[in-house]
Each structure stands twice: as structure tokens, then as C-alpha cells.
Amino acid sequence: MTQEQSHDPAHPRIPVFYRPEMNSVVSEPSISKSSEKPGRFVEFVKGLSPTHIDIKDFDPVQPGDIGIAHDQDYVQGILACELPNGFMTFDKSVADSLPYTLGSMVAATMHCLNKGGIACSPSSGFHHAGWDFGGGFCTFNGLMVAAYLATAEGAKVGILDCDAHYGNGTQDILDRLGDDGIVHRTMGKHFPCGQHAGGFIQWLLDAVDDMKDCDVVIYQAGADPFIHDPMGGQLTLQQLALRDEYVFEHLRNVAWNLAGGYCAMTHDIHNTTFLAAYRKTNREAGHNLS
């Protein structure tokens, strides 16, 4: 990419739905950085790709809308800090951030559904949250809240979960409430953490093919499948890059989030995803970026 291209206002930017309220403080030490990852990611991308990012405002999700995918008693207990969150703490800071992390995922999904193209929600901590439980750093399932709100608009929705771990919470909600209008594929169901993911590319091709007719796809572009991630370890950097390029090239209207990532390379992997989305957006606008 030339210097002139990178500063050309004709080149579109990737919408990123971010508010500082998405960040939180966890009282107990944790390997997960999801509580502070939204802000860190946005600052990281702004430092590396300042002309490629378009920060978008959004509204937090209200408790009634969270209840579209969760037991209402669970929702109220979490927001009142009477039940443990996904970090297994009762931190008010975490509870206060949840309507905003969900709001970001919903806003990115609805943006893609209504306006088309690619959008980013710099959120994580969703797919282990089920109907009435959390865990694995996940409290509410923003994937399912966004998916059910989109299907209420008549959309067919894909959830392509390429986090290193099985999206058990997502599947729990689908089993309880139904999957009409939703296609769910989760990498972690087929490729155990710590083992090289032989056959992953074919699985990805099949998963993407299953979502070709979806009106919007929610894509968990996890960094934790990286082979040196202590909580994942299935894919090389080259495979991760190919994953992102293929998803953005072959699916329309993709709202992606950060999902997991627990090693020093995490921000670099997330930025690679961001740049893959940027290249696709520019190709669609008629620019041929290298």
C-alpha cells in the first residue's frame, strides 16, 4: 500500500463500534484481558492504521433485550451483582460494562444487516454464556442477543465461531430457544485446544459454504487458536491470516469481534484480521490494495 493510498479519503474505513464504557476492571487476577481489551485494541489499531478506522457510537442494550437470549432472573441477578459474572467475581465494573459490550455487537450486526459490508465490534467474552449461566470469562452471550434481534427483523444469521474453544453457551441457548434462522458453526467443537488443527481449512470452507445465503454473519475472529497461545494452540499465523481473508472474501455482511486471545501476539493477530477486512472493503469500493 502506498503512502498516497493510505491517506486517500476516497478509501473507505472500517466502522468500529466502540465506547469507553465497554472496558471494566476485574478485582481478581485473570489470564483473560477481555475486560480491558476493547480500549487496548482500538488504541492499537489507531496507532498502526489510523486512517483505516471509523469509530462509531451506539446505544447500550437494555435488560429486556438481553432477555431475548437469557433467563430474566439471571439477567437481573448479574446486573445487580447478586450472581457471579463470567470471571467468577461480583465486580460492579464488569456488570456496568455488559450492556455496552452487547450493544457494540448488536450495533455492528445491525449495521451490516441494514447497510451491508463489514463492521467490527471490539468485544469478546460471549460464547460460553448460556441461557442462565456464565463462565470462561463470558457473562452474557452477545452473539445470541444480536442474532435473535436480527432474526426478529426477518434476517437469516450465521454465527461463525473461530475462537479456539467450543461455543457451549451459544449452543445451550439455541437448544433451549430454537435455531430457526440461525446457522451456528463452532471451531472448538472439532479441533481440541493444544492440538494442530489438521482439516481446519476444509472445515472452514464447509462452514462458510453453509452461510453463503445468510443476510449477516457474526464472526468470532479469535486470536487464541494461535499455536503459541496458552489457551488454544491449533493454527499457525499463516493459517489464521488465510482464515480471515477467506471469511471476508466469501461472505457478505460480516460483523466480527475479537473473541479470545491470551498471548503477546494477540494484538498483532487482531490487527491482521482488521487489515483483511479493510482490504476487502477497499476491493469492493474498486481499489486494488496490496
C-alpha atoms as a PDB file:
ATOM      1  CA  MET A   1       0.000   0.000   0.000  1.00  0.00           C
ATOM      2  CA  THR A   2       1.438   3.381  -0.945  1.00  0.00           C
ATOM      3  CA  GLN A   3       1.509   6.385   1.352  1.00  0.00           C
ATOM      4  CA  GLU A   4      -0.883   8.183  -1.003  1.00  0.00           C
ATOM      5  CA  GLN A   5      -3.376   5.309  -0.895  1.00  0.00           C
ATOM      6  CA  SER A   6      -3.318   5.041   2.873  1.00  0.00           C
ATOM      7  CA  HIS A   7      -4.293   8.724   3.224  1.00  0.00           C
ATOM      8  CA  ASP A   8      -6.716   8.885   0.302  1.00  0.00           C
ATOM      9  CA  PRO A   9     -10.115   9.929   1.709  1.00  0.00           C
ATOM     10  CA  ALA A  10     -11.749   8.016  -1.147  1.00  0.00           C
ATOM     11  CA  HIS A  11     -10.693   4.781   0.547  1.00  0.00           C
ATOM     12  CA  PRO A  12     -13.434   3.673   2.946  1.00  0.00           C
ATOM     13  CA  ARG A  13     -12.736   2.981   6.592  1.00  0.00           C
ATOM     14  CA  ILE A  14     -13.883   0.068   8.747  1.00  0.00           C
ATOM     15  CA  PRO A  15     -16.663   1.033  11.170  1.00  0.00           C
ATOM     16  CA  VAL A  16     -15.726   0.041  14.732  1.00  0.00           C
ATOM     17  CA  PHE A  17     -18.492   0.275  17.327  1.00  0.00           C
ATOM     18  CA  TYR A  18     -16.671   1.369  20.454  1.00  0.00           C
ATOM     19  CA  ARG A  19     -17.414   3.256  23.644  1.00  0.00           C
ATOM     20  CA  PRO A  20     -15.079   3.538  26.647  1.00  0.00           C
ATOM     21  CA  GLU A  21     -17.822   2.062  28.846  1.00  0.00           C
ATOM     22  CA  MET A  22     -17.091  -1.316  27.247  1.00  0.00           C
ATOM     23  CA  ASN A  23     -13.971  -1.579  29.426  1.00  0.00           C
ATOM     24  CA  SER A  24     -14.076  -2.785  33.003  1.00  0.00           C
ATOM     25  CA  VAL A  25     -11.871  -3.578  35.972  1.00  0.00           C
ATOM     26  CA  VAL A  26     -11.706  -7.116  37.374  1.00  0.00           C
ATOM     27  CA  SER A  27     -10.791  -7.388  41.035  1.00  0.00           C
ATOM     28  CA  GLU A  28      -9.269 -10.870  40.810  1.00  0.00           C
ATOM     29  CA  PRO A  29      -6.157 -11.673  38.706  1.00  0.00           C
ATOM     30  CA  SER A  30      -7.116 -13.317  35.405  1.00  0.00           C
ATOM     31  CA  ILE A  31      -5.376 -14.627  32.310  1.00  0.00           C
ATOM     32  CA  SER A  32      -8.192 -13.068  30.269  1.00  0.00           C
ATOM     33  CA  LYS A  33      -7.765  -9.476  29.103  1.00  0.00           C
ATOM     34  CA  SER A  34     -11.296  -9.195  27.747  1.00  0.00           C
ATOM     35  CA  SER A  35     -12.284  -6.686  30.440  1.00  0.00           C
ATOM     36  CA  GLU A  36      -9.829  -4.126  29.068  1.00  0.00           C
ATOM     37  CA  LYS A  37      -9.355  -5.462  25.532  1.00  0.00           C
ATOM     38  CA  PRO A  38     -11.817  -3.137  23.725  1.00  0.00           C
ATOM     39  CA  GLY A  39      -9.896   0.015  24.579  1.00  0.00           C
ATOM     40  CA  ARG A  40      -6.500  -1.573  24.067  1.00  0.00           C
ATOM     41  CA  PHE A  41      -7.479  -2.907  20.659  1.00  0.00           C
ATOM     42  CA  VAL A  42      -8.875   0.429  19.473  1.00  0.00           C
ATOM     43  CA  GLU A  43      -5.747   2.287  20.565  1.00  0.00           C
ATOM     44  CA  PHE A  44      -3.554  -0.390  18.963  1.00  0.00           C
ATOM     45  CA  VAL A  45      -5.358  -0.166  15.614  1.00  0.00           C
ATOM     46  CA  LYS A  46      -5.450   3.628  15.732  1.00  0.00           C
ATOM     47  CA  GLY A  47      -1.677   3.572  16.225  1.00  0.00           C
ATOM     48  CA  LEU A  48      -0.994   1.166  13.356  1.00  0.00           C
ATOM     49  CA  SER A  49      -3.820   2.020  10.954  1.00  0.00           C
ATOM     50  CA  PRO A  50      -5.163   5.474  11.910  1.00  0.00           C
ATOM     51  CA  THR A  51      -6.713   6.213   8.509  1.00  0.00           C
ATOM     52  CA  HIS A  52      -8.484   2.856   8.311  1.00  0.00           C
ATOM     53  CA  ILE A  53     -10.726   3.071  11.379  1.00  0.00           C
ATOM     54  CA  ASP A  54     -14.050   4.857  11.855  1.00  0.00           C
ATOM     55  CA  ILE A  55     -15.198   4.885  15.488  1.00  0.00           C
ATOM     56  CA  LYS A  56     -18.994   4.637  15.717  1.00  0.00           C
ATOM     57  CA  ASP A  57     -21.230   5.423  18.688  1.00  0.00           C
ATOM     58  CA  PHE A  58     -24.079   3.123  19.738  1.00  0.00           C
ATOM     59  CA  ASP A  59     -26.666   2.609  22.472  1.00  0.00           C
ATOM     60  CA  PRO A  60     -26.235   0.070  25.275  1.00  0.00           C
ATOM     61  CA  VAL A  61     -28.558  -2.932  25.222  1.00  0.00           C
ATOM     62  CA  GLN A  62     -31.438  -2.716  27.666  1.00  0.00           C
ATOM     63  CA  PRO A  63     -32.145  -5.555  30.143  1.00  0.00           C
ATOM     64  CA  GLY A  64     -35.312  -6.532  28.282  1.00  0.00           C
ATOM     65  CA  ASP A  65     -33.353  -7.100  25.087  1.00  0.00           C
ATOM     66  CA  ILE A  66     -30.685  -9.092  26.934  1.00  0.00           C
ATOM     67  CA  GLY A  67     -33.579 -11.315  27.985  1.00  0.00           C
ATOM     68  CA  ILE A  68     -34.196 -12.271  24.363  1.00  0.00           C
ATOM     69  CA  ALA A  69     -31.376 -14.817  24.845  1.00  0.00           C
ATOM     70  CA  HIS A  70     -31.206 -15.223  28.645  1.00  0.00           C
ATOM     71  CA  ASP A  71     -33.331 -16.078  31.649  1.00  0.00           C
ATOM     72  CA  GLN A  72     -34.630 -12.787  33.045  1.00  0.00           C
ATOM     73  CA  ASP A  73     -33.776 -13.720  36.654  1.00  0.00           C
ATOM     74  CA  TYR A  74     -30.211 -14.416  35.539  1.00  0.00           C
ATOM     75  CA  VAL A  75     -30.051 -11.062  33.757  1.00  0.00           C
ATOM     76  CA  GLN A  76     -31.280  -9.151  36.787  1.00  0.00           C
ATOM     77  CA  GLY A  77     -29.003 -11.087  39.150  1.00  0.00           C
ATOM     78  CA  ILE A  78     -25.933 -10.306  37.057  1.00  0.00           C
ATOM     79  CA  LEU A  79     -26.730  -6.610  36.607  1.00  0.00           C
ATOM     80  CA  ALA A  80     -27.413  -6.274  40.348  1.00  0.00           C
ATOM     81  CA  CYS A  81     -24.113  -8.070  41.145  1.00  0.00           C
ATOM     82  CA  GLU A  82     -26.017 -10.748  43.048  1.00  0.00           C
ATOM     83  CA  LEU A  83     -24.760 -13.569  40.796  1.00  0.00           C
ATOM     84  CA  PRO A  84     -21.135 -14.197  39.768  1.00  0.00           C
ATOM     85  CA  ASN A  85     -20.136 -12.907  36.351  1.00  0.00           C
ATOM     86  CA  GLY A  86     -18.098 -14.843  33.791  1.00  0.00           C
ATOM     87  CA  PHE A  87     -14.897 -14.019  35.693  1.00  0.00           C
ATOM     88  CA  MET A  88     -16.498 -15.592  38.786  1.00  0.00           C
ATOM     89  CA  THR A  89     -16.490 -12.248  40.624  1.00  0.00           C
ATOM     90  CA  PHE A  90     -19.211  -9.814  41.641  1.00  0.00           C
ATOM     91  CA  ASP A  91     -17.488  -6.727  40.248  1.00  0.00           C
ATOM     92  CA  LYS A  92     -19.859  -3.828  39.576  1.00  0.00           C
ATOM     93  CA  SER A  93     -17.426  -2.567  36.941  1.00  0.00           C
ATOM     94  CA  VAL A  94     -17.973  -5.743  34.923  1.00  0.00           C
ATOM     95  CA  ALA A  95     -21.753  -5.610  35.342  1.00  0.00           C
ATOM     96  CA  ASP A  96     -21.827  -1.980  34.232  1.00  0.00           C
ATOM     97  CA  SER A  97     -19.804  -2.761  31.084  1.00  0.00           C
ATOM     98  CA  LEU A  98     -22.025  -5.606  29.864  1.00  0.00           C
ATOM     99  CA  PRO A  99     -24.825  -3.554  28.236  1.00  0.00           C
ATOM    100  CA  TYR A 100     -22.103  -1.777  26.252  1.00  0.00           C
ATOM    101  CA  THR A 101     -20.192  -4.848  25.074  1.00  0.00           C
ATOM    102  CA  LEU A 102     -23.504  -6.356  23.982  1.00  0.00           C
ATOM    103  CA  GLY A 103     -24.561  -3.043  22.479  1.00  0.00           C
ATOM    104  CA  SER A 104     -21.403  -2.968  20.386  1.00  0.00           C
ATOM    105  CA  MET A 105     -22.044  -6.453  18.988  1.00  0.00           C
ATOM    106  CA  VAL A 106     -25.692  -5.651  18.278  1.00  0.00           C
ATOM    107  CA  ALA A 107     -24.814  -2.332  16.618  1.00  0.00           C
ATOM    108  CA  ALA A 108     -22.159  -3.913  14.373  1.00  0.00           C
ATOM    109  CA  THR A 109     -24.569  -6.689  13.373  1.00  0.00           C
ATOM    110  CA  MET A 110     -27.426  -4.314  12.590  1.00  0.00           C
ATOM    111  CA  HIS A 111     -25.076  -2.011  10.672  1.00  0.00           C
ATOM    112  CA  CYS A 112     -24.043  -4.897   8.427  1.00  0.00           C
ATOM    113  CA  LEU A 113     -27.625  -6.098   8.059  1.00  0.00           C
ATOM    114  CA  ASN A 114     -29.035  -2.682   7.137  1.00  0.00           C
ATOM    115  CA  LYS A 115     -26.124  -1.052   5.308  1.00  0.00           C
ATOM    116  CA  GLY A 116     -24.091  -4.045   4.144  1.00  0.00           C
ATOM    117  CA  GLY A 117     -20.372  -4.663   4.251  1.00  0.00           C
ATOM    118  CA  ILE A 118     -18.064  -5.302   7.195  1.00  0.00           C
ATOM    119  CA  ALA A 119     -18.093  -3.864  10.717  1.00  0.00           C
ATOM    120  CA  CYS A 120     -16.131  -4.549  13.888  1.00  0.00           C
ATOM    121  CA  SER A 121     -17.247  -4.921  17.483  1.00  0.00           C
ATOM    122  CA  PRO A 122     -14.076  -4.844  19.640  1.00  0.00           C
ATOM    123  CA  SER A 123     -15.733  -7.164  22.134  1.00  0.00           C
ATOM    124  CA  SER A 124     -15.180 -10.659  23.484  1.00  0.00           C
ATOM    125  CA  GLY A 125     -16.445 -12.849  26.289  1.00  0.00           C
ATOM    126  CA  PHE A 126     -19.663 -14.200  24.765  1.00  0.00           C
ATOM    127  CA  HIS A 127     -19.789 -17.816  23.627  1.00  0.00           C
ATOM    128  CA  HIS A 128     -19.503 -19.632  26.992  1.00  0.00           C
ATOM    129  CA  ALA A 129     -22.544 -17.773  28.353  1.00  0.00           C
ATOM    130  CA  GLY A 130     -25.695 -19.885  28.193  1.00  0.00           C
ATOM    131  CA  TRP A 131     -29.361 -19.332  28.955  1.00  0.00           C
ATOM    132  CA  ASP A 132     -28.876 -18.967  32.705  1.00  0.00           C
ATOM    133  CA  PHE A 133     -25.154 -19.339  33.330  1.00  0.00           C
ATOM    134  CA  GLY A 134     -21.798 -17.783  32.563  1.00  0.00           C
ATOM    135  CA  GLY A 135     -18.197 -18.917  32.724  1.00  0.00           C
ATOM    136  CA  GLY A 136     -14.929 -18.877  30.848  1.00  0.00           C
ATOM    137  CA  PHE A 137     -14.863 -15.043  31.092  1.00  0.00           C
ATOM    138  CA  CYS A 138     -18.287 -14.865  29.398  1.00  0.00           C
ATOM    139  CA  THR A 139     -21.331 -13.461  31.235  1.00  0.00           C
ATOM    140  CA  PHE A 140     -23.944 -12.641  28.577  1.00  0.00           C
ATOM    141  CA  ASN A 141     -23.951 -14.041  25.062  1.00  0.00           C
ATOM    142  CA  GLY A 142     -23.761 -11.052  22.737  1.00  0.00           C
ATOM    143  CA  LEU A 143     -23.674 -13.365  19.723  1.00  0.00           C
ATOM    144  CA  MET A 144     -27.118 -14.691  20.539  1.00  0.00           C
ATOM    145  CA  VAL A 145     -28.607 -11.362  21.606  1.00  0.00           C
ATOM    146  CA  ALA A 146     -27.501  -9.869  18.271  1.00  0.00           C
ATOM    147  CA  ALA A 147     -28.591 -12.954  16.306  1.00  0.00           C
ATOM    148  CA  TYR A 148     -32.088 -13.099  17.800  1.00  0.00           C
ATOM    149  CA  LEU A 149     -32.608  -9.348  17.354  1.00  0.00           C
ATOM    150  CA  ALA A 150     -31.579  -9.744  13.699  1.00  0.00           C
ATOM    151  CA  THR A 151     -33.853 -12.738  13.117  1.00  0.00           C
ATOM    152  CA  ALA A 152     -36.694 -10.688  14.605  1.00  0.00           C
ATOM    153  CA  GLU A 153     -36.132  -8.393  11.599  1.00  0.00           C
ATOM    154  CA  GLY A 154     -36.564 -11.387   9.286  1.00  0.00           C
ATOM    155  CA  ALA A 155     -32.846 -11.993   8.695  1.00  0.00           C
ATOM    156  CA  LYS A 156     -31.035 -15.290   8.310  1.00  0.00           C
ATOM    157  CA  VAL A 157     -27.972 -15.123  10.561  1.00  0.00           C
ATOM    158  CA  GLY A 158     -24.733 -17.073  10.609  1.00  0.00           C
ATOM    159  CA  ILE A 159     -22.568 -17.409  13.722  1.00  0.00           C
ATOM    160  CA  LEU A 160     -19.096 -18.449  12.601  1.00  0.00           C
ATOM    161  CA  ASP A 161     -17.181 -19.095  15.806  1.00  0.00           C
ATOM    162  CA  CYS A 162     -13.436 -19.368  15.169  1.00  0.00           C
ATOM    163  CA  ASP A 163     -12.423 -18.944  18.778  1.00  0.00           C
ATOM    164  CA  ALA A 164     -10.230 -21.809  19.956  1.00  0.00           C
ATOM    165  CA  HIS A 165     -12.924 -23.153  22.276  1.00  0.00           C
ATOM    166  CA  TYR A 166     -16.328 -24.743  21.867  1.00  0.00           C
ATOM    167  CA  GLY A 167     -19.184 -22.238  21.961  1.00  0.00           C
ATOM    168  CA  ASN A 168     -21.110 -24.275  24.502  1.00  0.00           C
ATOM    169  CA  GLY A 169     -23.145 -21.329  25.769  1.00  0.00           C
ATOM    170  CA  THR A 170     -24.272 -20.411  22.276  1.00  0.00           C
ATOM    171  CA  GLN A 171     -25.359 -23.983  21.652  1.00  0.00           C
ATOM    172  CA  ASP A 172     -27.172 -24.133  25.009  1.00  0.00           C
ATOM    173  CA  ILE A 173     -29.274 -21.094  24.075  1.00  0.00           C
ATOM    174  CA  LEU A 174     -30.003 -22.471  20.620  1.00  0.00           C
ATOM    175  CA  ASP A 175     -31.062 -25.813  22.120  1.00  0.00           C
ATOM    176  CA  ARG A 176     -33.414 -24.090  24.568  1.00  0.00           C
ATOM    177  CA  LEU A 177     -34.870 -21.340  22.378  1.00  0.00           C
ATOM    178  CA  GLY A 178     -34.503 -22.722  18.870  1.00  0.00           C
ATOM    179  CA  ASP A 179     -32.228 -22.110  15.902  1.00  0.00           C
ATOM    180  CA  ASP A 180     -34.794 -21.020  13.323  1.00  0.00           C
ATOM    181  CA  GLY A 181     -32.994 -18.588  11.036  1.00  0.00           C
ATOM    182  CA  ILE A 182     -29.580 -19.172  12.627  1.00  0.00           C
ATOM    183  CA  VAL A 183     -26.644 -21.227  11.324  1.00  0.00           C
ATOM    184  CA  HIS A 184     -24.065 -21.945  14.050  1.00  0.00           C
ATOM    185  CA  ARG A 185     -20.611 -23.394  13.364  1.00  0.00           C
ATOM    186  CA  THR A 186     -18.016 -23.525  16.159  1.00  0.00           C
ATOM    187  CA  MET A 187     -14.385 -24.477  15.543  1.00  0.00           C
ATOM    188  CA  GLY A 188     -13.775 -25.592  19.124  1.00  0.00           C
ATOM    189  CA  LYS A 189     -16.238 -28.461  18.800  1.00  0.00           C
ATOM    190  CA  HIS A 190     -13.992 -30.184  16.261  1.00  0.00           C
ATOM    191  CA  PHE A 191     -10.390 -29.124  16.993  1.00  0.00           C
ATOM    192  CA  PRO A 192      -9.254 -29.575  20.611  1.00  0.00           C
ATOM    193  CA  CYS A 193      -7.016 -26.951  22.136  1.00  0.00           C
ATOM    194  CA  GLY A 194      -3.327 -27.808  22.126  1.00  0.00           C
ATOM    195  CA  GLN A 195      -3.557 -29.990  19.011  1.00  0.00           C
ATOM    196  CA  HIS A 196      -2.710 -28.884  15.495  1.00  0.00           C
ATOM    197  CA  ALA A 197      -5.962 -28.451  13.578  1.00  0.00           C
ATOM    198  CA  GLY A 198      -5.462 -30.797  10.676  1.00  0.00           C
ATOM    199  CA  GLY A 199      -8.513 -30.479   8.468  1.00  0.00           C
ATOM    200  CA  PHE A 200      -9.342 -26.967   9.672  1.00  0.00           C
ATOM    201  CA  ILE A 201      -9.230 -25.412   6.208  1.00  0.00           C
ATOM    202  CA  GLN A 202     -11.763 -27.912   4.871  1.00  0.00           C
ATOM    203  CA  TRP A 203     -13.956 -27.320   7.922  1.00  0.00           C
ATOM    204  CA  LEU A 204     -13.780 -23.570   7.278  1.00  0.00           C
ATOM    205  CA  LEU A 205     -14.666 -23.989   3.598  1.00  0.00           C
ATOM    206  CA  ASP A 206     -17.707 -26.067   4.550  1.00  0.00           C
ATOM    207  CA  ALA A 207     -18.768 -23.672   7.336  1.00  0.00           C
ATOM    208  CA  VAL A 208     -18.533 -20.649   5.043  1.00  0.00           C
ATOM    209  CA  ASP A 209     -20.443 -22.501   2.331  1.00  0.00           C
ATOM    210  CA  ASP A 210     -23.217 -23.205   4.859  1.00  0.00           C
ATOM    211  CA  MET A 211     -23.530 -19.437   5.436  1.00  0.00           C
ATOM    212  CA  LYS A 212     -23.430 -18.204   1.848  1.00  0.00           C
ATOM    213  CA  ASP A 213     -27.126 -17.271   1.889  1.00  0.00           C
ATOM    214  CA  CYS A 214     -27.099 -15.616   5.331  1.00  0.00           C
ATOM    215  CA  ASP A 215     -28.118 -11.960   5.416  1.00  0.00           C
ATOM    216  CA  VAL A 216     -25.451 -11.262   8.037  1.00  0.00           C
ATOM    217  CA  VAL A 217     -22.693 -13.360   9.604  1.00  0.00           C
ATOM    218  CA  ILE A 218     -21.384 -12.786  13.122  1.00  0.00           C
ATOM    219  CA  TYR A 219     -17.741 -13.825  13.003  1.00  0.00           C
ATOM    220  CA  GLN A 220     -15.735 -14.608  16.134  1.00  0.00           C
ATOM    221  CA  ALA A 221     -12.210 -13.982  14.837  1.00  0.00           C
ATOM    222  CA  GLY A 222     -10.435 -15.385  17.875  1.00  0.00           C
ATOM    223  CA  ALA A 223      -6.688 -14.935  18.293  1.00  0.00           C
ATOM    224  CA  ASP A 224      -6.414 -17.851  20.706  1.00  0.00           C
ATOM    225  CA  PRO A 225      -6.165 -20.582  18.018  1.00  0.00           C
ATOM    226  CA  PHE A 226      -2.574 -19.354  17.506  1.00  0.00           C
ATOM    227  CA  ILE A 227      -0.166 -22.256  18.102  1.00  0.00           C
ATOM    228  CA  HIS A 228       1.697 -20.387  20.858  1.00  0.00           C
ATOM    229  CA  ASP A 229      -1.391 -19.227  22.732  1.00  0.00           C
ATOM    230  CA  PRO A 230      -1.518 -20.876  26.191  1.00  0.00           C
ATOM    231  CA  MET A 231      -5.301 -21.313  25.962  1.00  0.00           C
ATOM    232  CA  GLY A 232      -5.540 -22.521  22.360  1.00  0.00           C
ATOM    233  CA  GLY A 233      -2.769 -23.677  20.083  1.00  0.00           C
ATOM    234  CA  GLN A 234      -4.307 -25.067  16.880  1.00  0.00           C
ATOM    235  CA  LEU A 235      -3.302 -22.779  13.972  1.00  0.00           C
ATOM    236  CA  THR A 236      -0.200 -21.107  12.577  1.00  0.00           C
ATOM    237  CA  LEU A 237      -0.070 -17.384  11.824  1.00  0.00           C
ATOM    238  CA  GLN A 238      -0.368 -18.208   8.127  1.00  0.00           C
ATOM    239  CA  GLN A 239      -3.495 -20.285   8.731  1.00  0.00           C
ATOM    240  CA  LEU A 240      -5.024 -17.510  10.833  1.00  0.00           C
ATOM    241  CA  ALA A 241      -4.361 -14.977   8.071  1.00  0.00           C
ATOM    242  CA  LEU A 242      -5.844 -17.315   5.444  1.00  0.00           C
ATOM    243  CA  ARG A 243      -8.859 -17.847   7.705  1.00  0.00           C
ATOM    244  CA  ASP A 244      -9.626 -14.129   7.858  1.00  0.00           C
ATOM    245  CA  GLU A 245      -9.018 -13.492   4.168  1.00  0.00           C
ATOM    246  CA  TYR A 246     -11.309 -16.360   3.189  1.00  0.00           C
ATOM    247  CA  VAL A 247     -14.126 -15.356   5.527  1.00  0.00           C
ATOM    248  CA  PHE A 248     -14.194 -11.739   4.393  1.00  0.00           C
ATOM    249  CA  GLU A 249     -13.780 -12.621   0.722  1.00  0.00           C
ATOM    250  CA  HIS A 250     -16.546 -15.225   0.544  1.00  0.00           C
ATOM    251  CA  LEU A 251     -19.184 -13.948   2.959  1.00  0.00           C
ATOM    252  CA  ARG A 252     -21.252 -10.812   2.643  1.00  0.00           C
ATOM    253  CA  ASN A 253     -22.187  -8.534   5.529  1.00  0.00           C
ATOM    254  CA  VAL A 254     -19.797  -9.695   8.258  1.00  0.00           C
ATOM    255  CA  ALA A 255     -19.880  -8.288  11.800  1.00  0.00           C
ATOM    256  CA  TRP A 256     -16.737  -9.528  13.528  1.00  0.00           C
ATOM    257  CA  ASN A 257     -15.480  -9.378  17.081  1.00  0.00           C
ATOM    258  CA  LEU A 258     -12.224 -10.177  18.867  1.00  0.00           C
ATOM    259  CA  ALA A 259     -13.174 -13.268  20.902  1.00  0.00           C
ATOM    260  CA  GLY A 260     -10.256 -14.910  22.766  1.00  0.00           C
ATOM    261  CA  GLY A 261      -6.533 -14.303  22.822  1.00  0.00           C
ATOM    262  CA  TYR A 262      -4.079 -14.766  25.683  1.00  0.00           C
ATOM    263  CA  CYS A 263      -0.539 -14.313  24.398  1.00  0.00           C
ATOM    264  CA  ALA A 264       1.786 -11.456  23.464  1.00  0.00           C
ATOM    265  CA  MET A 265       0.880 -11.831  19.764  1.00  0.00           C
ATOM    266  CA  THR A 266      -2.838 -11.278  20.345  1.00  0.00           C
ATOM    267  CA  HIS A 267      -2.994  -7.641  19.197  1.00  0.00           C
ATOM    268  CA  ASP A 268      -0.956  -8.448  16.082  1.00  0.00           C
ATOM    269  CA  ILE A 269      -3.391 -11.229  15.178  1.00  0.00           C
ATOM    270  CA  HIS A 270      -6.406  -8.980  15.750  1.00  0.00           C
ATOM    271  CA  ASN A 271      -4.798  -6.276  13.618  1.00  0.00           C
ATOM    272  CA  THR A 272      -4.211  -8.817  10.829  1.00  0.00           C
ATOM    273  CA  THR A 273      -7.952  -9.532  10.940  1.00  0.00           C
ATOM    274  CA  PHE A 274      -8.686  -5.806  10.813  1.00  0.00           C
ATOM    275  CA  LEU A 275      -6.446  -5.300   7.781  1.00  0.00           C
ATOM    276  CA  ALA A 276      -8.026  -8.273   5.989  1.00  0.00           C
ATOM    277  CA  ALA A 277     -11.415  -6.610   6.492  1.00  0.00           C
ATOM    278  CA  TYR A 278     -10.004  -3.301   5.256  1.00  0.00           C
ATOM    279  CA  ARG A 279      -8.616  -4.861   2.095  1.00  0.00           C
ATOM    280  CA  LYS A 280     -11.965  -6.498   1.311  1.00  0.00           C
ATOM    281  CA  THR A 281     -13.826  -3.225   1.894  1.00  0.00           C
ATOM    282  CA  ASN A 282     -11.494  -1.388  -0.469  1.00  0.00           C
ATOM    283  CA  ARG A 283     -11.729  -4.054  -3.156  1.00  0.00           C
ATOM    284  CA  GLU A 284     -15.490  -3.697  -3.091  1.00  0.00           C
ATOM    285  CA  ALA A 285     -15.034   0.061  -3.485  1.00  0.00           C
ATOM    286  CA  GLY A 286     -12.958  -0.515  -6.602  1.00  0.00           C
ATOM    287  CA  HIS A 287      -9.491  -0.077  -5.097  1.00  0.00           C
ATOM    288  CA  ASN A 288      -6.857  -2.743  -5.600  1.00  0.00           C
ATOM    289  CA  LEU A 289      -4.725  -2.698  -2.463  1.00  0.00           C
ATOM    290  CA  SER A 290      -1.724  -4.950  -1.993  1.00  0.00           C
END
